[in-house]
Amino acid sequence: MKNIKTKTSLIIVTLIAIVFTSCENHGLIGIKGTGSVVSENIETSMIEGLNLEIPATVYLSKGEGQSIRIDAQQNILDNIETFVDNKVLTIKFDKNVGNHEEIFIFITLDHLKQLTISGSGNISSDSEFTTEDKLMIGISGSGNIDVAADASEVELDISGSGDI
């Protein structure tokens, strides 16, 4: 009976070791940010909205051209994925990310129709956005959105905690 318990314990310990070492060296807490903060400019098609899915602070500005800059540690930048769907820029991690320096995102755009935070983050603006379209603003998780806007219709939604 003792021999069976020893074998069972050995199998369990081996399985746990396999699980913890098979996480591409990211462990359960994710990739840890290393090094100093660097900047990267992101090129995309024209956007009219943002879906933020990473813990970051976003600064929006109204302007004639479009520019997007992300400031983060290089190994964290390497794991940030951006894509545009229906003129909405989504920013998310492509792998599990753990502790890192604060991420800052600076976006200049001409027209704004949508802002969403999925997870945790903050979005603020130093400009007022005017649109004749519906403006949709939402938080699903935790965050704050502080943007001045003049729109024909505004839809606000908070699922979790935060301020708009």
N, C-alpha and C. Protein backbone atom coordinates (compact mmCIF):
# COMPACT_ATOMS: atom_id res chain seq x y z
N MET A 1 0.82 -1.19 0.00
CA MET A 1 0.00 0.00 0.00
C MET A 1 0.87 1.26 0.00
N LYS A 2 1.96 1.24 0.81
CA LYS A 2 2.87 2.37 0.87
C LYS A 2 3.53 2.61 -0.48
N ASN A 3 3.85 1.56 -1.20
CA ASN A 3 4.49 1.65 -2.51
C ASN A 3 3.56 2.34 -3.52
N ILE A 4 2.25 2.06 -3.45
CA ILE A 4 1.28 2.68 -4.36
C ILE A 4 1.17 4.18 -4.07
N LYS A 5 1.14 4.57 -2.79
CA LYS A 5 1.07 5.99 -2.42
C LYS A 5 2.32 6.73 -2.90
N THR A 6 3.47 6.10 -2.77
CA THR A 6 4.71 6.72 -3.21
C THR A 6 4.70 6.93 -4.72
N LYS A 7 4.26 5.93 -5.47
CA LYS A 7 4.19 6.06 -6.93
C LYS A 7 3.18 7.13 -7.33
N THR A 8 2.02 7.15 -6.67
CA THR A 8 1.00 8.16 -6.97
C THR A 8 1.54 9.56 -6.69
N SER A 9 2.21 9.73 -5.56
CA SER A 9 2.79 11.03 -5.22
C SER A 9 3.84 11.45 -6.24
N LEU A 10 4.66 10.51 -6.66
CA LEU A 10 5.69 10.79 -7.66
C LEU A 10 5.07 11.21 -8.99
N ILE A 11 4.01 10.55 -9.39
CA ILE A 11 3.32 10.91 -10.64
C ILE A 11 2.72 12.30 -10.54
N ILE A 12 2.10 12.63 -9.42
CA ILE A 12 1.49 13.95 -9.25
C ILE A 12 2.56 15.04 -9.28
N VAL A 13 3.66 14.84 -8.57
CA VAL A 13 4.75 15.82 -8.56
C VAL A 13 5.32 15.99 -9.96
N THR A 14 5.49 14.92 -10.70
CA THR A 14 5.99 15.00 -12.07
C THR A 14 5.04 15.78 -12.97
N LEU A 15 3.75 15.52 -12.86
CA LEU A 15 2.76 16.24 -13.67
C LEU A 15 2.76 17.73 -13.34
N ILE A 16 2.83 18.06 -12.07
CA ILE A 16 2.88 19.48 -11.68
C ILE A 16 4.13 20.14 -12.25
N ALA A 17 5.27 19.46 -12.18
CA ALA A 17 6.51 20.01 -12.73
C ALA A 17 6.40 20.24 -14.23
N ILE A 18 5.77 19.31 -14.93
CA ILE A 18 5.59 19.46 -16.38
C ILE A 18 4.72 20.67 -16.68
N VAL A 19 3.64 20.84 -15.95
CA VAL A 19 2.73 21.97 -16.18
C VAL A 19 3.45 23.29 -15.97
N PHE A 20 4.21 23.41 -14.88
CA PHE A 20 4.87 24.67 -14.59
C PHE A 20 6.05 24.96 -15.52
N THR A 21 6.68 23.96 -16.06
CA THR A 21 7.81 24.21 -16.96
C THR A 21 7.40 24.28 -18.42
N SER A 22 6.15 24.02 -18.73
CA SER A 22 5.73 24.03 -20.13
C SER A 22 5.07 25.34 -20.53
N CYS A 23 5.21 26.35 -19.72
CA CYS A 23 4.55 27.63 -19.99
C CYS A 23 5.47 28.60 -20.71
N GLU A 24 6.34 28.12 -21.57
CA GLU A 24 7.25 28.93 -22.37
C GLU A 24 8.04 29.92 -21.52
N ASN A 25 8.41 29.49 -20.33
CA ASN A 25 9.17 30.32 -19.42
C ASN A 25 8.41 31.57 -18.99
N HIS A 26 7.10 31.61 -19.16
CA HIS A 26 6.30 32.74 -18.74
C HIS A 26 5.65 32.47 -17.40
N GLY A 27 5.61 31.22 -16.98
CA GLY A 27 4.98 30.87 -15.72
C GLY A 27 3.51 31.23 -15.72
N LEU A 28 2.93 31.12 -14.56
CA LEU A 28 1.51 31.44 -14.44
C LEU A 28 1.27 32.94 -14.34
N ILE A 29 2.29 33.72 -13.94
CA ILE A 29 2.08 35.16 -13.81
C ILE A 29 2.41 35.92 -15.09
N GLY A 30 2.93 35.28 -16.07
CA GLY A 30 3.18 35.90 -17.36
C GLY A 30 4.58 36.47 -17.51
N ILE A 31 4.80 37.09 -18.64
CA ILE A 31 6.08 37.70 -18.98
C ILE A 31 6.31 38.90 -18.08
N LYS A 32 7.49 38.99 -17.49
CA LYS A 32 7.84 40.12 -16.63
C LYS A 32 8.58 41.16 -17.46
N GLY A 33 8.17 42.41 -17.33
CA GLY A 33 8.83 43.49 -18.06
C GLY A 33 10.27 43.66 -17.60
N THR A 34 11.17 43.82 -18.56
CA THR A 34 12.58 44.04 -18.25
C THR A 34 13.10 45.18 -19.11
N GLY A 35 14.10 45.86 -18.59
CA GLY A 35 14.73 46.94 -19.35
C GLY A 35 14.01 48.26 -19.18
N SER A 36 14.54 49.25 -19.88
CA SER A 36 13.96 50.59 -19.78
C SER A 36 12.79 50.73 -20.75
N VAL A 37 12.03 51.80 -20.55
CA VAL A 37 10.86 52.08 -21.39
C VAL A 37 11.33 52.68 -22.71
N VAL A 38 10.78 52.18 -23.81
CA VAL A 38 11.09 52.69 -25.15
C VAL A 38 9.78 53.05 -25.84
N SER A 39 9.87 53.79 -26.93
CA SER A 39 8.70 54.22 -27.69
C SER A 39 8.64 53.51 -29.03
N GLU A 40 7.42 53.22 -29.46
CA GLU A 40 7.22 52.63 -30.78
C GLU A 40 6.01 53.28 -31.43
N ASN A 41 6.21 53.76 -32.67
CA ASN A 41 5.10 54.31 -33.44
C ASN A 41 4.40 53.18 -34.17
N ILE A 42 3.07 53.23 -34.17
CA ILE A 42 2.25 52.19 -34.77
C ILE A 42 1.58 52.76 -36.02
N GLU A 43 1.70 52.07 -37.13
CA GLU A 43 1.05 52.46 -38.37
C GLU A 43 -0.20 51.61 -38.57
N THR A 44 -1.35 52.25 -38.78
CA THR A 44 -2.59 51.53 -39.04
C THR A 44 -3.40 52.29 -40.08
N SER A 45 -4.46 51.65 -40.52
CA SER A 45 -5.42 52.38 -41.35
C SER A 45 -6.13 53.40 -40.45
N MET A 46 -6.90 54.30 -41.04
CA MET A 46 -7.57 55.35 -40.28
C MET A 46 -8.51 54.74 -39.25
N ILE A 47 -8.49 55.31 -38.05
CA ILE A 47 -9.34 54.81 -36.98
C ILE A 47 -10.30 55.90 -36.50
N GLU A 48 -11.42 55.45 -35.94
CA GLU A 48 -12.41 56.34 -35.34
C GLU A 48 -12.79 55.86 -33.94
N GLY A 49 -12.05 54.88 -33.44
CA GLY A 49 -12.35 54.35 -32.13
C GLY A 49 -11.21 53.54 -31.57
N LEU A 50 -11.33 53.24 -30.27
CA LEU A 50 -10.30 52.49 -29.56
C LEU A 50 -10.94 51.47 -28.65
N ASN A 51 -10.42 50.26 -28.68
CA ASN A 51 -10.78 49.20 -27.75
C ASN A 51 -9.50 48.81 -27.01
N LEU A 52 -9.38 49.26 -25.76
CA LEU A 52 -8.18 49.03 -24.97
C LEU A 52 -8.36 47.77 -24.13
N GLU A 53 -7.51 46.77 -24.37
CA GLU A 53 -7.60 45.50 -23.65
C GLU A 53 -6.36 45.21 -22.82
N ILE A 54 -5.53 46.23 -22.58
CA ILE A 54 -4.34 46.06 -21.75
C ILE A 54 -4.36 47.13 -20.66
N PRO A 55 -3.68 46.89 -19.54
CA PRO A 55 -3.62 47.92 -18.51
C PRO A 55 -2.68 49.03 -18.97
N ALA A 56 -3.25 50.15 -19.36
CA ALA A 56 -2.45 51.25 -19.90
C ALA A 56 -3.16 52.57 -19.64
N THR A 57 -2.40 53.64 -19.78
CA THR A 57 -2.94 54.99 -19.72
C THR A 57 -2.87 55.56 -21.13
N VAL A 58 -4.03 55.98 -21.66
CA VAL A 58 -4.12 56.48 -23.03
C VAL A 58 -4.41 57.97 -23.00
N TYR A 59 -3.66 58.73 -23.80
CA TYR A 59 -3.89 60.15 -23.97
C TYR A 59 -4.35 60.39 -25.41
N LEU A 60 -5.57 60.92 -25.57
CA LEU A 60 -6.11 61.22 -26.90
C LEU A 60 -5.96 62.70 -27.19
N SER A 61 -5.66 63.01 -28.44
CA SER A 61 -5.63 64.39 -28.93
C SER A 61 -6.36 64.45 -30.25
N LYS A 62 -7.07 65.55 -30.46
CA LYS A 62 -7.72 65.77 -31.75
C LYS A 62 -6.72 66.46 -32.65
N GLY A 63 -6.61 65.93 -33.86
CA GLY A 63 -5.66 66.53 -34.78
C GLY A 63 -5.91 66.11 -36.20
N GLU A 64 -5.32 66.82 -37.14
CA GLU A 64 -5.51 66.55 -38.55
C GLU A 64 -4.86 65.24 -38.94
N GLY A 65 -3.91 64.79 -38.73
CA GLY A 65 -3.39 63.47 -39.13
C GLY A 65 -3.62 62.47 -38.03
N GLN A 66 -3.15 61.30 -38.25
CA GLN A 66 -3.30 60.26 -37.24
C GLN A 66 -1.92 59.79 -36.81
N SER A 67 -1.73 59.66 -35.50
CA SER A 67 -0.49 59.09 -34.99
C SER A 67 -0.79 58.25 -33.75
N ILE A 68 -0.03 57.20 -33.60
CA ILE A 68 -0.20 56.30 -32.46
C ILE A 68 1.20 55.94 -31.97
N ARG A 69 1.46 56.20 -30.68
CA ARG A 69 2.75 55.86 -30.08
C ARG A 69 2.51 55.11 -28.78
N ILE A 70 3.25 54.03 -28.60
CA ILE A 70 3.16 53.25 -27.37
C ILE A 70 4.51 53.30 -26.67
N ASP A 71 4.50 53.66 -25.38
CA ASP A 71 5.71 53.68 -24.55
C ASP A 71 5.62 52.53 -23.55
N ALA A 72 6.55 51.59 -23.63
CA ALA A 72 6.58 50.43 -22.73
C ALA A 72 7.96 49.80 -22.78
N GLN A 73 8.20 48.87 -21.89
CA GLN A 73 9.44 48.11 -21.93
C GLN A 73 9.46 47.27 -23.21
N GLN A 74 10.64 47.10 -23.80
CA GLN A 74 10.73 46.46 -25.12
C GLN A 74 10.10 45.07 -25.14
N ASN A 75 10.36 44.25 -24.13
CA ASN A 75 9.80 42.89 -24.19
C ASN A 75 8.28 42.90 -23.99
N ILE A 76 7.75 43.95 -23.41
CA ILE A 76 6.29 44.10 -23.30
C ILE A 76 5.75 44.60 -24.64
N LEU A 77 6.43 45.57 -25.25
CA LEU A 77 6.04 46.05 -26.59
C LEU A 77 5.99 44.89 -27.58
N ASP A 78 6.94 43.99 -27.48
CA ASP A 78 6.99 42.85 -28.39
C ASP A 78 5.77 41.94 -28.26
N ASN A 79 5.05 42.06 -27.15
CA ASN A 79 3.88 41.22 -26.92
C ASN A 79 2.57 42.00 -26.97
N ILE A 80 2.62 43.20 -27.52
CA ILE A 80 1.40 43.99 -27.72
C ILE A 80 0.95 43.80 -29.16
N GLU A 81 -0.29 43.44 -29.32
CA GLU A 81 -0.88 43.22 -30.64
C GLU A 81 -1.86 44.36 -30.92
N THR A 82 -1.79 44.92 -32.13
CA THR A 82 -2.74 45.95 -32.54
C THR A 82 -3.36 45.54 -33.87
N PHE A 83 -4.66 45.80 -33.99
CA PHE A 83 -5.33 45.57 -35.26
C PHE A 83 -6.55 46.47 -35.34
N VAL A 84 -6.98 46.74 -36.57
CA VAL A 84 -8.12 47.61 -36.81
C VAL A 84 -9.24 46.79 -37.44
N ASP A 85 -10.44 46.93 -36.88
CA ASP A 85 -11.63 46.27 -37.40
C ASP A 85 -12.76 47.30 -37.37
N ASN A 86 -13.35 47.57 -38.51
CA ASN A 86 -14.42 48.59 -38.63
C ASN A 86 -13.98 49.93 -38.07
N LYS A 87 -12.76 50.34 -38.36
CA LYS A 87 -12.17 51.61 -37.95
C LYS A 87 -11.97 51.74 -36.44
N VAL A 88 -11.99 50.61 -35.72
CA VAL A 88 -11.72 50.61 -34.29
C VAL A 88 -10.40 49.89 -34.04
N LEU A 89 -9.47 50.60 -33.41
CA LEU A 89 -8.16 50.04 -33.08
C LEU A 89 -8.27 49.24 -31.79
N THR A 90 -7.89 47.98 -31.83
CA THR A 90 -7.82 47.16 -30.63
C THR A 90 -6.36 47.00 -30.24
N ILE A 91 -6.08 47.22 -28.95
CA ILE A 91 -4.74 47.04 -28.41
C ILE A 91 -4.83 45.99 -27.32
N LYS A 92 -4.09 44.88 -27.50
CA LYS A 92 -4.15 43.78 -26.54
C LYS A 92 -2.81 43.07 -26.49
N PHE A 93 -2.65 42.21 -25.49
CA PHE A 93 -1.47 41.37 -25.40
C PHE A 93 -1.69 40.11 -26.20
N ASP A 94 -0.62 39.60 -26.84
CA ASP A 94 -0.74 38.34 -27.56
C ASP A 94 -0.29 37.15 -26.70
N LYS A 95 0.26 37.43 -25.52
CA LYS A 95 0.66 36.39 -24.56
C LYS A 95 0.31 36.88 -23.16
N ASN A 96 0.40 35.99 -22.20
CA ASN A 96 0.16 36.36 -20.81
C ASN A 96 1.30 37.25 -20.33
N VAL A 97 0.96 38.43 -19.81
CA VAL A 97 1.96 39.39 -19.35
C VAL A 97 1.74 39.66 -17.87
N GLY A 98 2.83 39.65 -17.11
CA GLY A 98 2.77 39.90 -15.67
C GLY A 98 3.19 41.31 -15.34
N ASN A 99 4.06 41.45 -14.35
CA ASN A 99 4.50 42.77 -13.87
C ASN A 99 5.32 43.50 -14.93
N HIS A 100 5.09 44.81 -15.02
CA HIS A 100 5.83 45.64 -15.96
C HIS A 100 5.67 47.10 -15.57
N GLU A 101 6.52 47.94 -16.15
CA GLU A 101 6.38 49.38 -15.96
C GLU A 101 5.07 49.83 -16.60
N GLU A 102 4.58 50.99 -16.16
CA GLU A 102 3.32 51.50 -16.72
C GLU A 102 3.44 51.72 -18.23
N ILE A 103 2.38 51.39 -18.93
CA ILE A 103 2.32 51.56 -20.39
C ILE A 103 1.56 52.84 -20.69
N PHE A 104 2.14 53.68 -21.55
CA PHE A 104 1.48 54.91 -21.98
C PHE A 104 1.25 54.83 -23.48
N ILE A 105 0.06 55.27 -23.91
CA ILE A 105 -0.29 55.27 -25.33
C ILE A 105 -0.76 56.67 -25.69
N PHE A 106 -0.20 57.22 -26.76
CA PHE A 106 -0.56 58.56 -27.22
C PHE A 106 -1.17 58.43 -28.61
N ILE A 107 -2.42 58.90 -28.74
CA ILE A 107 -3.13 58.77 -30.01
C ILE A 107 -3.66 60.13 -30.44
N THR A 108 -3.35 60.50 -31.67
CA THR A 108 -3.94 61.68 -32.29
C THR A 108 -4.83 61.20 -33.42
N LEU A 109 -6.08 61.67 -33.41
CA LEU A 109 -7.00 61.31 -34.48
C LEU A 109 -7.96 62.46 -34.71
N ASP A 110 -8.61 62.43 -35.86
CA ASP A 110 -9.49 63.52 -36.26
C ASP A 110 -10.94 63.28 -35.83
N HIS A 111 -11.38 62.05 -35.87
CA HIS A 111 -12.80 61.74 -35.67
C HIS A 111 -12.92 60.62 -34.63
N LEU A 112 -13.89 60.75 -33.71
CA LEU A 112 -14.05 59.76 -32.65
C LEU A 112 -15.49 59.28 -32.58
N LYS A 113 -15.67 57.94 -32.63
CA LYS A 113 -17.01 57.33 -32.53
C LYS A 113 -17.12 56.32 -31.40
N GLN A 114 -15.99 55.77 -30.93
CA GLN A 114 -16.08 54.70 -29.93
C GLN A 114 -14.84 54.65 -29.05
N LEU A 115 -15.06 54.47 -27.74
CA LEU A 115 -14.00 54.22 -26.78
C LEU A 115 -14.45 53.12 -25.84
N THR A 116 -13.65 52.07 -25.71
CA THR A 116 -13.97 51.02 -24.76
C THR A 116 -12.71 50.56 -24.04
N ILE A 117 -12.90 50.25 -22.76
CA ILE A 117 -11.86 49.63 -21.95
C ILE A 117 -12.38 48.26 -21.58
N SER A 118 -11.62 47.24 -21.93
CA SER A 118 -11.95 45.87 -21.55
C SER A 118 -10.83 45.38 -20.65
N GLY A 119 -11.06 45.37 -19.38
CA GLY A 119 -10.02 44.99 -18.44
C GLY A 119 -9.77 46.14 -17.49
N SER A 120 -8.61 46.75 -17.60
CA SER A 120 -8.23 47.83 -16.71
C SER A 120 -7.44 48.87 -17.50
N GLY A 121 -7.77 50.13 -17.31
CA GLY A 121 -7.04 51.17 -18.02
C GLY A 121 -7.67 52.53 -17.81
N ASN A 122 -7.04 53.54 -18.37
CA ASN A 122 -7.53 54.91 -18.29
C ASN A 122 -7.36 55.57 -19.64
N ILE A 123 -8.37 56.34 -20.02
CA ILE A 123 -8.32 57.10 -21.27
C ILE A 123 -8.71 58.53 -20.94
N SER A 124 -7.89 59.49 -21.38
CA SER A 124 -8.22 60.90 -21.19
C SER A 124 -7.87 61.66 -22.45
N SER A 125 -8.41 62.87 -22.52
CA SER A 125 -8.19 63.69 -23.72
C SER A 125 -7.95 65.13 -23.32
N ASP A 126 -7.08 65.79 -24.07
CA ASP A 126 -6.86 67.21 -23.87
C ASP A 126 -7.63 68.04 -24.89
N SER A 127 -8.45 67.38 -25.69
CA SER A 127 -9.20 68.04 -26.76
C SER A 127 -10.66 67.66 -26.68
N GLU A 128 -11.51 68.48 -27.28
CA GLU A 128 -12.93 68.12 -27.39
C GLU A 128 -13.17 67.56 -28.78
N PHE A 129 -13.84 66.42 -28.82
CA PHE A 129 -14.19 65.78 -30.07
C PHE A 129 -15.64 66.10 -30.41
N THR A 130 -15.88 66.48 -31.65
CA THR A 130 -17.22 66.80 -32.13
C THR A 130 -17.58 65.80 -33.21
N THR A 131 -18.79 65.24 -33.10
CA THR A 131 -19.25 64.30 -34.11
C THR A 131 -20.75 64.42 -34.28
N GLU A 132 -21.21 64.25 -35.49
CA GLU A 132 -22.64 64.20 -35.75
C GLU A 132 -23.16 62.78 -35.62
N ASP A 133 -22.26 61.84 -35.40
CA ASP A 133 -22.61 60.44 -35.25
C ASP A 133 -22.83 60.11 -33.78
N LYS A 134 -23.27 58.89 -33.55
CA LYS A 134 -23.42 58.37 -32.19
C LYS A 134 -22.03 58.09 -31.62
N LEU A 135 -21.79 58.49 -30.38
CA LEU A 135 -20.54 58.22 -29.69
C LEU A 135 -20.80 57.15 -28.64
N MET A 136 -20.08 56.04 -28.74
CA MET A 136 -20.25 54.93 -27.79
C MET A 136 -19.02 54.86 -26.89
N ILE A 137 -19.27 54.90 -25.57
CA ILE A 137 -18.20 54.84 -24.59
C ILE A 137 -18.56 53.76 -23.57
N GLY A 138 -17.62 52.85 -23.32
CA GLY A 138 -17.91 51.77 -22.38
C GLY A 138 -16.71 51.28 -21.63
N ILE A 139 -16.99 50.78 -20.42
CA ILE A 139 -15.97 50.15 -19.59
C ILE A 139 -16.49 48.79 -19.17
N SER A 140 -15.72 47.76 -19.46
CA SER A 140 -16.04 46.41 -19.02
C SER A 140 -14.86 45.93 -18.20
N GLY A 141 -14.94 46.12 -16.91
CA GLY A 141 -13.82 45.81 -16.03
C GLY A 141 -13.64 46.97 -15.08
N SER A 142 -12.48 47.60 -15.14
CA SER A 142 -12.17 48.71 -14.25
C SER A 142 -11.40 49.77 -15.02
N GLY A 143 -11.82 51.01 -14.90
CA GLY A 143 -11.10 52.06 -15.60
C GLY A 143 -11.83 53.37 -15.54
N ASN A 144 -11.22 54.37 -16.13
CA ASN A 144 -11.79 55.71 -16.20
C ASN A 144 -11.63 56.25 -17.61
N ILE A 145 -12.67 56.92 -18.07
CA ILE A 145 -12.61 57.60 -19.37
C ILE A 145 -13.01 59.04 -19.14
N ASP A 146 -12.12 59.97 -19.46
CA ASP A 146 -12.36 61.40 -19.26
C ASP A 146 -12.11 62.09 -20.60
N VAL A 147 -13.18 62.22 -21.38
CA VAL A 147 -13.09 62.79 -22.72
C VAL A 147 -14.22 63.79 -22.91
N ALA A 148 -13.89 64.98 -23.40
CA ALA A 148 -14.92 65.96 -23.72
C ALA A 148 -15.40 65.71 -25.14
N ALA A 149 -16.73 65.65 -25.31
CA ALA A 149 -17.27 65.36 -26.64
C ALA A 149 -18.60 66.06 -26.83
N ASP A 150 -18.85 66.43 -28.07
CA ASP A 150 -20.13 67.00 -28.49
C ASP A 150 -20.64 66.09 -29.59
N ALA A 151 -21.68 65.30 -29.27
CA ALA A 151 -22.20 64.31 -30.23
C ALA A 151 -23.71 64.41 -30.29
N SER A 152 -24.27 63.97 -31.41
CA SER A 152 -25.73 63.98 -31.56
C SER A 152 -26.38 62.99 -30.61
N GLU A 153 -25.68 61.90 -30.29
CA GLU A 153 -26.18 60.89 -29.37
C GLU A 153 -24.98 60.23 -28.70
N VAL A 154 -25.11 59.95 -27.39
CA VAL A 154 -24.03 59.31 -26.65
C VAL A 154 -24.58 58.09 -25.93
N GLU A 155 -23.87 56.96 -26.07
CA GLU A 155 -24.24 55.74 -25.36
C GLU A 155 -23.12 55.41 -24.38
N LEU A 156 -23.48 55.35 -23.09
CA LEU A 156 -22.51 55.06 -22.04
C LEU A 156 -22.84 53.74 -21.38
N ASP A 157 -21.82 52.93 -21.10
CA ASP A 157 -22.06 51.63 -20.48
C ASP A 157 -20.88 51.29 -19.58
N ILE A 158 -21.18 50.95 -18.31
CA ILE A 158 -20.15 50.48 -17.39
C ILE A 158 -20.58 49.14 -16.84
N SER A 159 -19.77 48.12 -17.09
CA SER A 159 -19.97 46.79 -16.49
C SER A 159 -18.74 46.53 -15.63
N GLY A 160 -18.83 46.83 -14.37
CA GLY A 160 -17.69 46.70 -13.48
C GLY A 160 -17.57 47.97 -12.67
N SER A 161 -16.37 48.54 -12.63
CA SER A 161 -16.19 49.78 -11.88
C SER A 161 -15.44 50.78 -12.74
N GLY A 162 -15.75 52.04 -12.51
CA GLY A 162 -15.07 53.08 -13.26
C GLY A 162 -15.91 54.32 -13.37
N ASP A 163 -15.35 55.32 -13.99
CA ASP A 163 -16.02 56.60 -14.20
C ASP A 163 -15.90 56.99 -15.66
N ILE A 164 -16.98 57.59 -16.15
CA ILE A 164 -16.98 58.15 -17.51
C ILE A 164 -17.35 59.61 -17.40
